[in-house]
N, C-alpha and C. Protein backbone atom coordinates (compact mmCIF):
# COMPACT_ATOMS: atom_id res chain seq x y z
N UNK A 1 153.27 139.23 63.65
CA UNK A 1 153.99 138.28 64.48
C UNK A 1 154.26 137.04 63.64
N UNK A 2 155.48 136.56 63.67
CA UNK A 2 155.84 135.41 62.85
C UNK A 2 155.29 134.12 63.45
N UNK A 3 155.23 133.10 62.60
CA UNK A 3 154.74 131.79 63.04
C UNK A 3 155.60 131.22 64.16
N UNK A 4 156.92 131.46 64.07
CA UNK A 4 157.81 130.92 65.09
C UNK A 4 157.57 131.57 66.44
N UNK A 5 157.36 132.89 66.48
CA UNK A 5 157.14 133.54 67.76
C UNK A 5 155.76 133.19 68.32
N UNK A 6 154.78 132.98 67.45
CA UNK A 6 153.46 132.53 67.91
C UNK A 6 153.57 131.15 68.54
N UNK A 7 154.35 130.27 67.89
CA UNK A 7 154.55 128.94 68.45
C UNK A 7 155.22 129.02 69.81
N UNK A 8 156.23 129.87 69.95
CA UNK A 8 156.94 129.99 71.23
C UNK A 8 156.00 130.47 72.34
N UNK A 9 155.08 131.36 72.03
CA UNK A 9 154.11 131.83 73.02
C UNK A 9 153.20 130.68 73.44
N UNK A 10 152.72 129.92 72.46
CA UNK A 10 151.85 128.77 72.77
C UNK A 10 152.61 127.71 73.55
N UNK A 11 153.86 127.47 73.18
CA UNK A 11 154.67 126.47 73.87
C UNK A 11 154.91 126.86 75.32
N UNK A 12 155.14 128.14 75.57
CA UNK A 12 155.37 128.60 76.94
C UNK A 12 154.14 128.40 77.82
N UNK A 13 152.96 128.41 77.21
CA UNK A 13 151.72 128.25 77.98
C UNK A 13 151.22 126.80 77.98
N UNK A 14 151.95 125.90 77.31
CA UNK A 14 151.49 124.52 77.16
C UNK A 14 151.42 123.78 78.50
N UNK A 15 150.43 122.94 78.62
CA UNK A 15 150.24 122.10 79.81
C UNK A 15 149.88 120.70 79.33
N UNK A 16 150.21 119.69 80.14
CA UNK A 16 149.81 118.32 79.83
C UNK A 16 148.30 118.22 79.89
N UNK A 17 147.72 117.34 79.07
CA UNK A 17 146.26 117.19 79.07
C UNK A 17 145.74 116.70 80.42
N UNK A 18 144.57 117.17 80.77
CA UNK A 18 143.90 116.76 82.01
C UNK A 18 142.45 116.42 81.72
N UNK A 19 141.88 115.63 82.61
CA UNK A 19 140.45 115.28 82.58
C UNK A 19 139.98 115.20 84.02
N UNK A 20 138.68 115.26 84.18
CA UNK A 20 138.10 115.01 85.49
C UNK A 20 137.22 113.77 85.42
N UNK A 21 137.21 113.05 86.52
CA UNK A 21 136.40 111.83 86.65
C UNK A 21 135.68 111.93 87.99
N UNK A 22 134.35 111.83 87.95
CA UNK A 22 133.57 111.90 89.18
C UNK A 22 133.13 110.49 89.58
N UNK A 23 133.38 110.15 90.83
CA UNK A 23 133.02 108.83 91.34
C UNK A 23 132.26 108.99 92.63
N UNK A 24 131.08 108.36 92.71
CA UNK A 24 130.31 108.34 93.95
C UNK A 24 130.93 107.28 94.86
N UNK A 25 131.34 107.70 96.03
CA UNK A 25 132.01 106.81 96.97
C UNK A 25 131.04 106.08 97.88
N UNK A 26 129.74 106.25 97.65
CA UNK A 26 128.72 105.58 98.45
C UNK A 26 127.90 104.67 97.54
N UNK A 27 128.39 103.47 97.34
CA UNK A 27 127.71 102.49 96.50
C UNK A 27 126.33 102.13 97.03
N UNK A 28 126.12 102.22 98.34
CA UNK A 28 124.81 101.93 98.92
C UNK A 28 123.76 102.92 98.44
N UNK A 29 124.15 104.17 98.25
CA UNK A 29 123.21 105.17 97.76
C UNK A 29 122.85 104.91 96.30
N UNK A 30 123.81 104.44 95.52
CA UNK A 30 123.55 104.11 94.13
C UNK A 30 122.50 102.99 94.06
N UNK A 31 122.66 101.98 94.89
CA UNK A 31 121.71 100.87 94.92
C UNK A 31 120.32 101.35 95.36
N UNK A 32 120.25 102.20 96.37
CA UNK A 32 118.97 102.73 96.83
C UNK A 32 118.30 103.57 95.74
N UNK A 33 119.10 104.33 95.00
CA UNK A 33 118.57 105.14 93.90
C UNK A 33 117.99 104.24 92.81
N UNK A 34 118.72 103.19 92.45
CA UNK A 34 118.23 102.26 91.43
C UNK A 34 116.91 101.63 91.86
N UNK A 35 116.80 101.25 93.14
CA UNK A 35 115.56 100.65 93.64
C UNK A 35 114.42 101.66 93.62
N UNK A 36 114.69 102.89 94.02
CA UNK A 36 113.65 103.92 94.00
C UNK A 36 113.20 104.21 92.56
N UNK A 37 114.13 104.21 91.62
CA UNK A 37 113.78 104.39 90.20
C UNK A 37 112.89 103.24 89.73
N UNK A 38 113.22 102.03 90.14
CA UNK A 38 112.42 100.86 89.75
C UNK A 38 111.01 101.00 90.32
N UNK A 39 110.90 101.39 91.57
CA UNK A 39 109.60 101.57 92.21
C UNK A 39 108.79 102.67 91.52
N UNK A 40 109.47 103.73 91.11
CA UNK A 40 108.79 104.83 90.41
C UNK A 40 108.22 104.35 89.07
N UNK A 41 108.98 103.57 88.34
CA UNK A 41 108.48 103.05 87.06
C UNK A 41 107.26 102.16 87.27
N UNK A 42 107.30 101.34 88.33
CA UNK A 42 106.14 100.50 88.65
C UNK A 42 104.93 101.35 89.00
N UNK A 43 105.15 102.39 89.80
CA UNK A 43 104.05 103.27 90.21
C UNK A 43 103.46 104.00 89.01
N UNK A 44 104.32 104.45 88.10
CA UNK A 44 103.82 105.13 86.91
C UNK A 44 103.02 104.19 86.02
N UNK A 45 103.43 102.93 85.97
CA UNK A 45 102.69 101.93 85.20
C UNK A 45 101.32 101.68 85.80
N UNK A 46 101.22 101.69 87.12
CA UNK A 46 99.94 101.47 87.80
C UNK A 46 99.04 102.69 87.67
N UNK A 47 99.62 103.87 87.57
CA UNK A 47 98.84 105.10 87.51
C UNK A 47 97.91 105.13 86.30
N UNK A 48 98.34 104.56 85.22
CA UNK A 48 97.51 104.54 84.02
C UNK A 48 96.24 103.73 84.24
N UNK A 49 96.29 102.77 85.15
CA UNK A 49 95.14 101.90 85.40
C UNK A 49 94.33 102.33 86.61
N UNK A 50 94.70 103.42 87.28
CA UNK A 50 94.05 103.75 88.55
C UNK A 50 93.63 105.21 88.57
N UNK A 51 92.46 105.45 89.15
CA UNK A 51 92.00 106.82 89.34
C UNK A 51 92.57 107.41 90.62
N UNK A 52 93.10 106.56 91.49
CA UNK A 52 93.61 106.99 92.79
C UNK A 52 94.96 107.66 92.70
N UNK A 53 95.62 107.60 91.58
CA UNK A 53 96.95 108.18 91.44
C UNK A 53 98.03 107.13 91.62
N UNK A 54 99.23 107.52 91.30
CA UNK A 54 100.32 106.55 91.27
C UNK A 54 101.08 106.44 92.58
N UNK A 55 101.00 107.45 93.42
CA UNK A 55 101.83 107.45 94.61
C UNK A 55 103.28 107.80 94.30
N UNK A 56 103.48 108.41 93.12
CA UNK A 56 104.84 108.73 92.66
C UNK A 56 105.47 109.89 93.43
N UNK A 57 104.67 110.77 94.02
CA UNK A 57 105.21 111.95 94.70
C UNK A 57 106.27 111.63 95.73
N UNK A 58 105.97 110.74 96.70
CA UNK A 58 106.99 110.41 97.70
C UNK A 58 108.23 109.74 97.08
N UNK A 59 108.03 108.95 96.04
CA UNK A 59 109.17 108.30 95.38
C UNK A 59 110.06 109.34 94.69
N UNK A 60 109.44 110.32 94.08
CA UNK A 60 110.21 111.38 93.42
C UNK A 60 111.02 112.14 94.46
N UNK A 61 110.41 112.44 95.60
CA UNK A 61 111.14 113.13 96.68
C UNK A 61 112.30 112.28 97.19
N UNK A 62 112.06 110.98 97.31
CA UNK A 62 113.11 110.06 97.77
C UNK A 62 114.27 110.05 96.78
N UNK A 63 113.96 109.99 95.49
CA UNK A 63 115.00 109.98 94.45
C UNK A 63 115.80 111.27 94.49
N UNK A 64 115.11 112.40 94.62
CA UNK A 64 115.81 113.69 94.68
C UNK A 64 116.72 113.77 95.90
N UNK A 65 116.24 113.25 97.04
CA UNK A 65 117.07 113.26 98.25
C UNK A 65 118.29 112.36 98.07
N UNK A 66 118.08 111.20 97.46
CA UNK A 66 119.20 110.29 97.21
C UNK A 66 120.21 110.91 96.25
N UNK A 67 119.73 111.61 95.23
CA UNK A 67 120.64 112.26 94.27
C UNK A 67 121.47 113.34 94.96
N UNK A 68 120.85 114.07 95.88
CA UNK A 68 121.61 115.09 96.64
C UNK A 68 122.67 114.42 97.50
N UNK A 69 122.31 113.30 98.15
CA UNK A 69 123.29 112.57 98.97
C UNK A 69 124.42 112.01 98.11
N UNK A 70 124.06 111.48 96.93
CA UNK A 70 125.08 110.93 96.03
C UNK A 70 126.03 112.02 95.56
N UNK A 71 125.49 113.20 95.26
CA UNK A 71 126.34 114.31 94.82
C UNK A 71 127.31 114.69 95.94
N UNK A 72 126.79 114.72 97.16
CA UNK A 72 127.63 115.05 98.31
C UNK A 72 128.71 113.99 98.54
N UNK A 73 128.40 112.73 98.24
CA UNK A 73 129.32 111.62 98.47
C UNK A 73 130.24 111.36 97.27
N UNK A 74 130.13 112.19 96.25
CA UNK A 74 130.96 112.00 95.06
C UNK A 74 132.24 112.81 95.16
N UNK A 75 133.28 112.27 94.57
CA UNK A 75 134.58 112.94 94.53
C UNK A 75 134.99 113.13 93.08
N UNK A 76 135.41 114.33 92.75
CA UNK A 76 135.94 114.60 91.42
C UNK A 76 137.45 114.42 91.49
N UNK A 77 137.97 113.56 90.63
CA UNK A 77 139.41 113.32 90.53
C UNK A 77 139.91 114.00 89.26
N UNK A 78 140.96 114.79 89.39
CA UNK A 78 141.61 115.37 88.21
C UNK A 78 142.80 114.50 87.87
N UNK A 79 142.82 114.03 86.63
CA UNK A 79 143.93 113.19 86.17
C UNK A 79 144.70 113.95 85.09
N UNK A 80 146.01 113.82 85.14
CA UNK A 80 146.90 114.51 84.20
C UNK A 80 147.79 113.48 83.51
N UNK A 81 147.99 113.65 82.21
CA UNK A 81 148.85 112.75 81.45
C UNK A 81 150.28 112.80 81.98
N UNK A 82 150.97 111.69 81.80
CA UNK A 82 152.40 111.66 82.12
C UNK A 82 153.16 112.37 81.01
N UNK A 83 154.33 112.93 81.32
CA UNK A 83 155.09 113.63 80.29
C UNK A 83 155.69 112.64 79.28
N UNK A 84 155.87 113.11 78.05
CA UNK A 84 156.53 112.28 77.04
C UNK A 84 158.01 112.11 77.37
N UNK A 85 158.58 113.15 77.97
CA UNK A 85 159.98 113.14 78.38
C UNK A 85 160.06 113.77 79.76
N UNK A 86 160.87 113.18 80.63
CA UNK A 86 161.01 113.74 81.98
C UNK A 86 161.53 115.17 81.91
N UNK A 87 161.09 115.95 82.89
CA UNK A 87 161.58 117.34 82.96
C UNK A 87 161.69 117.73 84.43
N UNK A 88 162.45 118.77 84.72
CA UNK A 88 162.56 119.23 86.12
C UNK A 88 161.20 119.66 86.68
N UNK A 89 160.31 120.12 85.80
CA UNK A 89 159.00 120.59 86.26
C UNK A 89 158.05 119.44 86.59
N UNK A 90 158.33 118.24 86.08
CA UNK A 90 157.44 117.10 86.30
C UNK A 90 158.31 115.86 86.49
N UNK A 91 158.47 115.43 87.73
CA UNK A 91 159.40 114.33 88.02
C UNK A 91 158.75 112.95 87.88
N UNK A 92 157.50 112.90 87.40
CA UNK A 92 156.86 111.60 87.21
C UNK A 92 157.52 110.87 86.03
N UNK A 93 157.50 109.55 86.02
CA UNK A 93 158.07 108.82 84.89
C UNK A 93 157.24 109.03 83.64
N UNK A 94 157.81 108.75 82.50
CA UNK A 94 157.05 108.79 81.26
C UNK A 94 156.17 107.54 81.17
N UNK A 95 155.24 107.56 80.27
CA UNK A 95 154.35 106.40 80.07
C UNK A 95 155.18 105.18 79.68
N UNK A 96 156.16 105.36 78.79
CA UNK A 96 157.00 104.24 78.37
C UNK A 96 157.87 103.71 79.51
N UNK A 97 158.40 104.60 80.35
CA UNK A 97 159.18 104.15 81.51
C UNK A 97 158.29 103.33 82.46
N UNK A 98 157.06 103.76 82.62
CA UNK A 98 156.14 103.03 83.49
C UNK A 98 155.83 101.66 82.91
N UNK A 99 155.64 101.59 81.60
CA UNK A 99 155.40 100.29 80.96
C UNK A 99 156.59 99.36 81.17
N UNK A 100 157.79 99.87 81.03
CA UNK A 100 158.99 99.04 81.22
C UNK A 100 159.11 98.57 82.67
N UNK A 101 158.64 99.37 83.61
CA UNK A 101 158.69 99.00 85.03
C UNK A 101 157.66 97.92 85.38
N UNK A 102 156.71 97.68 84.46
CA UNK A 102 155.65 96.69 84.68
C UNK A 102 155.55 95.78 83.45
N UNK A 103 156.61 94.97 83.22
CA UNK A 103 156.63 94.13 82.01
C UNK A 103 155.51 93.09 82.02
N UNK A 104 155.10 92.64 80.83
CA UNK A 104 154.05 91.62 80.75
C UNK A 104 154.43 90.36 81.52
N UNK A 105 153.43 89.69 82.06
CA UNK A 105 153.66 88.44 82.78
C UNK A 105 153.98 87.34 81.78
N UNK A 106 154.83 86.43 82.21
CA UNK A 106 155.21 85.30 81.35
C UNK A 106 154.91 83.99 82.06
N UNK A 107 154.48 83.02 81.26
CA UNK A 107 154.24 81.69 81.80
C UNK A 107 155.55 80.95 81.99
N UNK A 108 155.48 79.72 82.47
CA UNK A 108 156.68 78.93 82.71
C UNK A 108 157.43 78.63 81.42
N UNK A 109 156.72 78.68 80.29
CA UNK A 109 157.36 78.43 79.00
C UNK A 109 157.90 79.71 78.36
N UNK A 110 157.81 80.84 79.08
CA UNK A 110 158.33 82.11 78.56
C UNK A 110 157.34 82.89 77.74
N UNK A 111 156.18 82.32 77.44
CA UNK A 111 155.16 83.01 76.66
C UNK A 111 154.48 84.08 77.52
N UNK A 112 154.16 85.21 76.89
CA UNK A 112 153.42 86.26 77.59
C UNK A 112 152.01 85.73 77.85
N UNK A 113 151.53 85.93 79.07
CA UNK A 113 150.17 85.49 79.41
C UNK A 113 149.27 86.68 79.72
N UNK A 114 148.06 86.62 79.32
CA UNK A 114 147.00 87.58 79.60
C UNK A 114 147.25 89.00 79.13
N UNK A 115 148.46 89.47 79.12
CA UNK A 115 148.74 90.85 78.80
C UNK A 115 149.02 91.05 77.30
N UNK A 116 148.63 90.07 76.49
CA UNK A 116 148.86 90.09 75.04
C UNK A 116 148.78 91.47 74.42
N UNK A 117 149.79 91.83 73.74
CA UNK A 117 149.78 93.01 72.91
C UNK A 117 149.81 94.34 73.63
N UNK A 118 149.61 94.34 74.93
CA UNK A 118 149.60 95.61 75.64
C UNK A 118 151.00 96.08 76.00
N UNK A 119 151.90 95.14 76.19
CA UNK A 119 153.27 95.50 76.49
C UNK A 119 153.53 95.82 77.95
N UNK A 120 152.57 95.48 78.82
CA UNK A 120 152.77 95.71 80.24
C UNK A 120 151.87 94.75 81.04
N UNK A 121 152.17 94.65 82.33
CA UNK A 121 151.41 93.80 83.24
C UNK A 121 150.18 94.58 83.70
N UNK A 122 149.03 94.20 83.20
CA UNK A 122 147.79 94.91 83.50
C UNK A 122 147.53 94.96 85.01
N UNK A 123 147.86 93.87 85.71
CA UNK A 123 147.59 93.79 87.14
C UNK A 123 148.30 94.88 87.94
N UNK A 124 149.51 95.25 87.55
CA UNK A 124 150.27 96.22 88.33
C UNK A 124 150.33 97.59 87.66
N UNK A 125 150.32 97.60 86.34
CA UNK A 125 150.49 98.86 85.59
C UNK A 125 149.35 99.84 85.83
N UNK A 126 148.11 99.37 85.71
CA UNK A 126 146.97 100.29 85.79
C UNK A 126 146.92 101.02 87.13
N UNK A 127 147.17 100.30 88.22
CA UNK A 127 147.15 100.97 89.52
C UNK A 127 148.28 101.99 89.62
N UNK A 128 149.46 101.63 89.15
CA UNK A 128 150.58 102.58 89.18
C UNK A 128 150.28 103.81 88.33
N UNK A 129 149.67 103.59 87.15
CA UNK A 129 149.32 104.70 86.27
C UNK A 129 148.32 105.63 86.94
N UNK A 130 147.28 105.07 87.53
CA UNK A 130 146.26 105.90 88.18
C UNK A 130 146.88 106.68 89.33
N UNK A 131 147.70 106.03 90.14
CA UNK A 131 148.33 106.73 91.26
C UNK A 131 149.20 107.90 90.78
N UNK A 132 149.86 107.74 89.64
CA UNK A 132 150.72 108.80 89.12
C UNK A 132 149.92 109.90 88.42
N UNK A 133 148.80 109.55 87.81
CA UNK A 133 148.05 110.52 87.02
C UNK A 133 147.05 111.34 87.84
N UNK A 134 146.54 110.80 88.94
CA UNK A 134 145.61 111.58 89.76
C UNK A 134 146.41 112.68 90.44
N UNK A 135 146.06 113.92 90.12
CA UNK A 135 146.79 115.06 90.69
C UNK A 135 145.94 115.84 91.68
N UNK A 136 144.63 115.60 91.67
CA UNK A 136 143.75 116.25 92.63
C UNK A 136 142.56 115.35 92.89
N UNK A 137 142.29 115.01 94.12
CA UNK A 137 142.97 115.45 95.33
C UNK A 137 144.33 114.79 95.48
N UNK A 138 145.19 115.41 96.27
CA UNK A 138 146.49 114.81 96.55
C UNK A 138 146.28 113.71 97.58
N UNK A 139 146.69 112.49 97.24
CA UNK A 139 146.49 111.34 98.11
C UNK A 139 147.82 110.76 98.55
N UNK A 140 147.93 110.44 99.83
CA UNK A 140 149.13 109.75 100.30
C UNK A 140 148.87 108.24 100.22
N UNK A 141 149.84 107.44 100.59
CA UNK A 141 149.72 105.99 100.47
C UNK A 141 148.53 105.45 101.25
N UNK A 142 148.29 105.99 102.45
CA UNK A 142 147.16 105.53 103.26
C UNK A 142 145.83 105.89 102.60
N UNK A 143 145.76 107.09 102.01
CA UNK A 143 144.54 107.49 101.30
C UNK A 143 144.27 106.55 100.12
N UNK A 144 145.34 106.22 99.37
CA UNK A 144 145.18 105.31 98.23
C UNK A 144 144.68 103.95 98.69
N UNK A 145 145.28 103.43 99.73
CA UNK A 145 144.86 102.12 100.24
C UNK A 145 143.40 102.14 100.65
N UNK A 146 142.97 103.20 101.34
CA UNK A 146 141.58 103.32 101.77
C UNK A 146 140.65 103.47 100.57
N UNK A 147 141.04 104.29 99.60
CA UNK A 147 140.20 104.49 98.41
C UNK A 147 140.03 103.20 97.63
N UNK A 148 141.13 102.50 97.39
CA UNK A 148 141.08 101.28 96.59
C UNK A 148 140.31 100.16 97.29
N UNK A 149 140.14 100.28 98.60
CA UNK A 149 139.37 99.29 99.36
C UNK A 149 137.87 99.55 99.30
N UNK A 150 137.46 100.76 98.87
CA UNK A 150 136.02 101.08 98.87
C UNK A 150 135.43 101.35 97.50
N UNK A 151 136.27 101.37 96.46
CA UNK A 151 135.69 101.52 95.12
C UNK A 151 135.68 100.16 94.43
N UNK A 152 134.76 100.04 93.48
CA UNK A 152 134.62 98.77 92.77
C UNK A 152 135.64 98.68 91.64
N UNK A 153 135.74 97.49 91.08
CA UNK A 153 136.60 97.30 89.91
C UNK A 153 136.14 98.20 88.77
N UNK A 154 134.81 98.34 88.65
CA UNK A 154 134.26 99.20 87.60
C UNK A 154 134.62 100.66 87.80
N UNK A 155 134.54 101.14 89.04
CA UNK A 155 134.91 102.53 89.32
C UNK A 155 136.39 102.74 89.07
N UNK A 156 137.21 101.77 89.48
CA UNK A 156 138.64 101.88 89.23
C UNK A 156 138.91 101.89 87.72
N UNK A 157 138.17 101.07 86.97
CA UNK A 157 138.35 101.00 85.52
C UNK A 157 138.05 102.34 84.86
N UNK A 158 137.07 103.08 85.39
CA UNK A 158 136.76 104.41 84.85
C UNK A 158 137.96 105.34 85.03
N UNK A 159 138.56 105.31 86.22
CA UNK A 159 139.76 106.12 86.46
C UNK A 159 140.91 105.69 85.55
N UNK A 160 141.14 104.38 85.48
CA UNK A 160 142.24 103.86 84.67
C UNK A 160 142.05 104.20 83.19
N UNK A 161 140.82 104.07 82.70
CA UNK A 161 140.57 104.38 81.29
C UNK A 161 140.83 105.86 80.99
N UNK A 162 140.42 106.73 81.90
CA UNK A 162 140.70 108.16 81.70
C UNK A 162 142.21 108.41 81.62
N UNK A 163 142.97 107.74 82.49
CA UNK A 163 144.43 107.90 82.48
C UNK A 163 145.04 107.33 81.20
N UNK A 164 144.56 106.16 80.79
CA UNK A 164 145.07 105.55 79.56
C UNK A 164 144.78 106.44 78.35
N UNK A 165 143.57 106.97 78.27
CA UNK A 165 143.21 107.83 77.13
C UNK A 165 144.04 109.10 77.11
N UNK A 166 144.32 109.66 78.28
CA UNK A 166 145.15 110.86 78.31
C UNK A 166 146.56 110.58 77.80
N UNK A 167 147.06 109.40 78.10
CA UNK A 167 148.43 109.07 77.74
C UNK A 167 148.58 108.44 76.37
N UNK A 168 147.55 107.77 75.88
CA UNK A 168 147.67 107.04 74.62
C UNK A 168 146.68 107.48 73.55
N UNK A 169 145.66 108.23 73.93
CA UNK A 169 144.64 108.63 72.97
C UNK A 169 144.93 109.97 72.34
N UNK A 170 144.12 110.30 71.35
CA UNK A 170 144.22 111.61 70.72
C UNK A 170 143.58 112.65 71.61
N UNK A 171 144.16 113.82 71.65
CA UNK A 171 143.60 114.93 72.39
C UNK A 171 143.23 116.00 71.37
N UNK A 172 141.94 116.15 71.16
CA UNK A 172 141.46 117.15 70.21
C UNK A 172 140.81 118.30 70.96
N UNK A 173 140.60 119.39 70.26
CA UNK A 173 139.86 120.49 70.84
C UNK A 173 138.41 120.03 70.93
N UNK A 174 137.84 119.98 72.14
CA UNK A 174 136.48 119.45 72.28
C UNK A 174 135.43 120.44 71.80
N UNK A 175 134.27 119.91 71.48
CA UNK A 175 133.11 120.72 71.13
C UNK A 175 132.02 120.38 72.13
N UNK A 176 131.49 121.39 72.79
CA UNK A 176 130.46 121.17 73.81
C UNK A 176 129.08 121.37 73.20
N UNK A 177 128.35 120.27 73.05
CA UNK A 177 126.98 120.38 72.56
C UNK A 177 126.10 121.10 73.58
N UNK A 178 126.36 120.86 74.87
CA UNK A 178 125.57 121.51 75.91
C UNK A 178 125.74 123.03 75.85
N UNK A 179 126.96 123.50 75.68
CA UNK A 179 127.20 124.96 75.58
C UNK A 179 126.58 125.53 74.32
N UNK A 180 126.65 124.77 73.24
CA UNK A 180 126.06 125.21 71.98
C UNK A 180 124.54 125.36 72.10
N UNK A 181 123.90 124.37 72.72
CA UNK A 181 122.44 124.43 72.92
C UNK A 181 122.08 125.57 73.84
N UNK A 182 122.84 125.77 74.90
CA UNK A 182 122.57 126.87 75.83
C UNK A 182 122.71 128.22 75.14
N UNK A 183 123.72 128.35 74.28
CA UNK A 183 123.92 129.60 73.55
C UNK A 183 122.74 129.86 72.61
N UNK A 184 122.29 128.83 71.92
CA UNK A 184 121.14 128.95 71.02
C UNK A 184 119.89 129.34 71.80
N UNK A 185 119.71 128.74 72.96
CA UNK A 185 118.53 129.04 73.78
C UNK A 185 118.54 130.48 74.27
N UNK A 186 119.73 130.99 74.69
CA UNK A 186 119.79 132.37 75.19
C UNK A 186 119.74 133.37 74.06
N UNK A 187 120.25 133.00 72.88
CA UNK A 187 120.20 133.91 71.74
C UNK A 187 118.78 134.03 71.19
N UNK A 188 118.05 132.93 71.25
CA UNK A 188 116.70 132.92 70.70
C UNK A 188 115.67 133.46 71.65
N UNK A 189 116.00 133.55 72.95
CA UNK A 189 115.01 133.92 73.97
C UNK A 189 115.15 135.30 74.34
């Protein structure tokens, strides 16, 4: 098979890069987990000084229950890069078209403010990018409004960074250390 026909086969199967981002939508559970972890560390510190034991058992159970609740309250978002060029198969704008639709802010003297060097208005661009790149779950305008009202700036930044990296970063063939270790463990056992 020639190089050109191999390329055509690969091109026919090509897809835009995707990533998944998991976000716990229950910030109260995260705080409770952090407090239980803190209490567990204190209990373990006291255990070294006491013959009565640390009392860590109930804390461990509490942490495990909180982790199960957090997992249940988490949502995995699949984000997909924008196309380099518009196509009938993908009607979303390109990354450059989106940047042009969100020009950098300018002060009264015409100087670009805050958005230095990025080439777009950070305040409006990132939300538009995330809304366009999240492909699963499918969210309507009301869903987006509700989601953005309950996630933190930090959680939003995680989504935005994933979208930015898909559109502006290098996409290499990943290497999974976890899979490699698992393979070694099963081969050796």
